[in-house]
Amino acid sequence: MAAALRAAGDDAHPLTLTGLAEKQGVPAGGQRHVQDIVDEVERLDLRDVVLVGHSYSGVPVGQAAERIGERLRRVVYVDASVPFDGESFLSGWPSDHVRASIDAHGGFWPPLDGDGAEGQELTAEQIARIRSEGTAHPGATLTEPAVLKGSPGDLPSTYVKCLLDGDAPPPAVAELLKGDRWELVELDTGHWPMFSRPGELARILRESAASR
C-alpha cells in the first residue's frame, strides 16, 4: 500500500507497532501502541496527517488522532475497531475465547491460523502469507482500556466497511456515522482489502486525504 500511495505522490509512513513483526518479543500495552504513533508523527514533524488503522489498530490510531491535535487532517478506519474511553479492543463483542487464548498462550494472542481468512476474497497464497508471517499479539494491547478526552465523533473520519466481513458497521460506529464529521465508504471485499483490493483501497485513502 505504501508503494502505491507514494507512486501517486503521497507521503506514506507505514508503522510497525511495538511487540509485532520485527518488534516482536518487546512488552507492549495499548497505550504503548498509541505512543508509537504519536512519537512517529512528532519525530518526522508531520503535518496534515491522515492516520489509517485497520482492524485492531483503529483503537490506537483513534486515540493518537486526538493527541496529535492540529497535525491531524483525517482518520481512516479500515474495517476497524473504534476506540471509546474506558473500553478495550475486546469490549462490546463476544471475546471470551480471545481472553482464554491469551491466558493459554502466556499473555499473547496467537496469529490467525488462516481459517478466518476464508471467504474474504483472498488467494491461497495470500492466506498462506497470513498464516506464515503473522505474529502473536501482546495480550495487554487488546485488554487495556482506551483513554480519550472526547468522542471519536469529534474528529473528521472515514469508515471503510468491507462488506464480506459483515454488511453493516458495528452499532457504535453506525451512531458515529450520523454525525457530520464522519463518512462511510463501502468496499465489496473482505477484511484484508490491502491484499484483495489494494488499488481501490489506495483510491479511497487518497480521496479521504483530499476531504475536510
Protein backbone atom coordinates (compact mmCIF):
# COMPACT_ATOMS: atom_id res chain seq x y z
CA MET A 1 0.00 0.00 0.00
CA ALA A 2 2.81 2.41 0.84
CA ALA A 3 4.42 1.94 -2.57
CA ALA A 4 1.13 2.57 -4.37
CA LEU A 5 0.47 5.73 -2.38
CA ARG A 6 3.99 7.03 -2.93
CA ALA A 7 3.74 6.35 -6.65
CA ALA A 8 0.64 8.56 -6.68
CA GLY A 9 2.56 11.36 -4.97
CA ASP A 10 1.61 10.81 -1.34
CA ASP A 11 3.99 10.64 1.60
CA ALA A 12 3.24 7.26 3.24
CA HIS A 13 4.71 6.09 6.55
CA PRO A 14 3.78 2.51 7.49
CA LEU A 15 4.49 1.82 11.16
CA THR A 16 5.07 -1.46 12.97
CA LEU A 17 3.65 -1.29 16.48
CA THR A 18 5.69 -2.46 19.47
CA GLY A 19 5.59 -6.21 20.07
CA LEU A 20 4.66 -7.16 16.50
CA ALA A 21 6.55 -8.35 13.40
CA GLU A 22 10.19 -7.23 13.58
CA LYS A 23 9.45 -5.74 17.03
CA GLN A 24 8.03 -8.96 18.48
CA GLY A 25 9.14 -10.01 21.93
CA VAL A 26 9.02 -6.44 23.29
CA PRO A 27 6.37 -5.97 26.03
CA ALA A 28 3.52 -3.67 24.99
CA GLY A 29 0.14 -2.47 26.14
CA GLY A 30 -2.48 -0.38 24.41
CA GLN A 31 -1.01 2.95 25.47
CA ARG A 32 2.41 1.90 24.17
CA HIS A 33 0.84 1.49 20.73
CA VAL A 34 -0.78 4.91 20.96
CA GLN A 35 2.58 6.42 21.88
CA ASP A 36 4.27 4.58 18.99
CA ILE A 37 2.05 6.51 16.57
CA VAL A 38 2.34 9.87 18.31
CA ASP A 39 6.13 9.52 18.53
CA GLU A 40 6.42 8.76 14.79
CA VAL A 41 4.31 11.76 13.81
CA GLU A 42 6.35 14.03 16.04
CA ARG A 43 9.72 12.51 15.09
CA LEU A 44 9.05 13.17 11.41
CA ASP A 45 7.36 16.51 12.17
CA LEU A 46 4.40 15.51 10.00
CA ARG A 47 1.54 17.90 9.23
CA ASP A 48 -1.82 17.39 7.52
CA VAL A 49 -1.68 13.79 8.74
CA VAL A 50 -4.17 11.14 7.67
CA LEU A 51 -3.94 8.32 10.22
CA VAL A 52 -5.08 4.95 8.88
CA GLY A 53 -5.92 1.99 11.10
CA HIS A 54 -7.05 -1.49 10.04
CA SER A 55 -8.86 -3.92 12.34
CA TYR A 56 -7.38 -3.72 15.89
CA SER A 57 -5.15 -0.78 15.02
CA GLY A 58 -8.15 1.52 14.77
CA VAL A 59 -8.07 1.56 18.59
CA PRO A 60 -4.59 3.10 18.99
CA VAL A 61 -4.95 5.18 15.82
CA GLY A 62 -8.16 6.79 17.07
CA GLN A 63 -6.51 7.72 20.37
CA ALA A 64 -3.37 9.02 18.68
CA ALA A 65 -5.52 11.15 16.37
CA GLU A 66 -6.83 13.07 19.37
CA ARG A 67 -3.33 13.52 20.79
CA ILE A 68 -1.61 14.90 17.71
CA GLY A 69 -4.00 17.85 17.69
CA GLU A 70 -3.61 20.29 14.81
CA ARG A 71 -1.29 17.95 12.95
CA LEU A 72 -4.31 15.76 12.10
CA ARG A 73 -6.19 16.09 8.83
CA ARG A 74 -8.35 12.95 8.98
CA VAL A 75 -8.71 9.47 10.46
CA VAL A 76 -9.48 6.47 8.24
CA TYR A 77 -10.75 3.30 9.89
CA VAL A 78 -10.39 0.34 7.50
CA ASP A 79 -12.88 -2.29 8.71
CA ALA A 80 -11.52 -1.35 12.10
CA SER A 81 -12.41 -1.12 15.75
CA VAL A 82 -13.01 2.41 17.02
CA PRO A 83 -11.83 3.48 20.49
CA PHE A 84 -14.16 4.66 23.23
CA ASP A 85 -12.90 5.96 26.54
CA GLY A 86 -12.62 3.22 29.14
CA GLU A 87 -13.22 0.39 26.66
CA SER A 88 -10.70 -2.02 25.19
CA PHE A 89 -10.48 -3.76 21.83
CA LEU A 90 -12.21 -6.75 23.41
CA SER A 91 -15.11 -4.71 24.82
CA GLY A 92 -18.54 -4.91 23.25
CA TRP A 93 -18.32 -8.22 21.37
CA PRO A 94 -18.22 -11.92 22.36
CA SER A 95 -14.48 -12.12 23.08
CA ASP A 96 -14.22 -14.66 25.90
CA HIS A 97 -12.47 -17.07 23.52
CA VAL A 98 -9.80 -14.44 22.80
CA ARG A 99 -9.22 -13.83 26.51
CA ALA A 100 -8.97 -17.58 27.09
CA SER A 101 -6.47 -17.88 24.24
CA ILE A 102 -4.35 -15.07 25.69
CA ASP A 103 -4.31 -16.81 29.08
CA ALA A 104 -3.42 -20.13 27.46
CA HIS A 105 -0.52 -18.66 25.48
CA GLY A 106 1.44 -16.79 28.11
CA GLY A 107 -0.23 -13.42 27.65
CA PHE A 108 -0.22 -13.40 23.84
CA TRP A 109 -2.96 -13.87 21.25
CA PRO A 110 -1.62 -16.31 18.66
CA PRO A 111 -1.64 -15.29 14.99
CA LEU A 112 -4.55 -16.36 12.80
CA ASP A 113 -4.37 -19.93 11.58
CA GLY A 114 -5.95 -18.84 8.30
CA ASP A 115 -9.43 -20.23 8.86
CA GLY A 116 -10.84 -16.76 9.49
CA ALA A 117 -9.48 -15.64 6.15
CA GLU A 118 -11.66 -17.99 4.12
CA GLY A 119 -14.46 -16.33 2.12
CA GLN A 120 -12.72 -12.93 2.27
CA GLU A 121 -11.66 -12.71 -1.40
CA LEU A 122 -8.09 -13.79 -0.69
CA THR A 123 -5.98 -16.09 -2.82
CA ALA A 124 -4.45 -19.26 -1.40
CA GLU A 125 -1.07 -17.52 -1.49
CA GLN A 126 -2.38 -14.56 0.50
CA ILE A 127 -3.92 -16.83 3.12
CA ALA A 128 -0.64 -18.71 3.35
CA ARG A 129 1.13 -15.40 3.94
CA ILE A 130 -1.24 -14.56 6.79
CA ARG A 131 -0.50 -17.97 8.32
CA SER A 132 3.27 -17.81 7.90
CA GLU A 133 4.03 -14.15 8.63
CA GLY A 134 1.54 -13.35 11.37
CA THR A 135 2.98 -12.73 14.84
CA ALA A 136 1.41 -13.19 18.25
CA HIS A 137 -0.32 -10.09 19.62
CA PRO A 138 0.67 -8.86 23.11
CA GLY A 139 -2.48 -9.53 25.12
CA ALA A 140 -2.30 -6.26 27.06
CA THR A 141 -2.79 -4.29 23.84
CA LEU A 142 -6.19 -5.96 23.49
CA THR A 143 -7.37 -5.66 27.09
CA GLU A 144 -6.07 -2.23 28.15
CA PRO A 145 -8.82 0.43 28.11
CA ALA A 146 -8.65 3.34 25.68
CA VAL A 147 -8.04 6.82 27.07
CA LEU A 148 -9.87 9.65 25.31
CA LYS A 149 -10.81 13.15 26.43
CA GLY A 150 -13.57 13.48 23.84
CA SER A 151 -15.52 11.31 21.44
CA PRO A 152 -14.13 9.78 18.23
CA GLY A 153 -17.07 11.55 16.62
CA ASP A 154 -15.32 14.87 17.26
CA LEU A 155 -12.66 14.18 14.62
CA PRO A 156 -13.07 14.13 10.82
CA SER A 157 -13.16 10.43 9.95
CA THR A 158 -13.85 7.96 7.18
CA TYR A 159 -15.06 4.45 7.96
CA VAL A 160 -14.34 1.86 5.26
CA LYS A 161 -16.76 -1.06 5.65
CA CYS A 162 -15.64 -4.26 3.93
CA LEU A 163 -18.90 -5.97 3.06
CA LEU A 164 -17.71 -9.58 3.02
CA ASP A 165 -16.87 -9.13 6.70
CA GLY A 166 -20.44 -8.10 7.55
CA ASP A 167 -22.81 -5.89 5.61
CA ALA A 168 -23.08 -3.08 8.17
CA PRO A 169 -20.78 -1.21 10.55
CA PRO A 170 -20.98 -2.07 14.27
CA PRO A 171 -23.82 -0.26 16.08
CA ALA A 172 -21.47 2.15 17.86
CA VAL A 173 -19.90 3.11 14.54
CA ALA A 174 -23.34 3.50 12.95
CA GLU A 175 -24.12 6.10 15.62
CA LEU A 176 -20.92 8.00 14.87
CA LEU A 177 -21.78 7.99 11.17
CA LYS A 178 -24.90 10.01 11.96
CA GLY A 179 -22.65 12.94 12.83
CA ASP A 180 -21.49 15.47 10.28
CA ARG A 181 -17.76 14.72 10.73
CA TRP A 182 -17.92 11.05 9.71
CA GLU A 183 -18.40 9.45 6.31
CA LEU A 184 -18.99 5.84 5.27
CA VAL A 185 -17.32 4.17 2.29
CA GLU A 186 -18.33 0.60 1.38
CA LEU A 187 -15.91 -1.78 -0.28
CA ASP A 188 -17.19 -5.05 -1.73
CA THR A 189 -14.39 -7.25 -0.45
CA GLY A 190 -13.19 -8.97 2.70
CA HIS A 191 -11.44 -7.87 5.86
CA TRP A 192 -7.97 -7.52 4.25
CA PRO A 193 -8.50 -5.05 1.36
CA MET A 194 -4.78 -4.23 1.32
CA PHE A 195 -4.40 -7.74 -0.14
CA SER A 196 -7.65 -8.22 -2.04
CA ARG A 197 -8.31 -4.69 -3.40
CA PRO A 198 -5.13 -2.63 -2.97
CA GLY A 199 -5.89 -0.31 -5.89
CA GLU A 200 -9.39 0.51 -4.64
CA LEU A 201 -8.18 0.99 -1.09
CA ALA A 202 -5.41 3.33 -2.26
CA ARG A 203 -8.02 5.38 -4.14
CA ILE A 204 -10.22 5.59 -1.05
CA LEU A 205 -7.30 6.69 1.12
CA ARG A 206 -6.32 9.39 -1.37
CA GLU A 207 -9.90 10.65 -1.65
CA SER A 208 -10.21 10.68 2.12
CA ALA A 209 -7.00 12.68 2.39
CA ALA A 210 -8.42 15.24 -0.03
CA SER A 211 -11.61 15.75 2.01
CA ARG A 212 -12.05 18.00 5.01
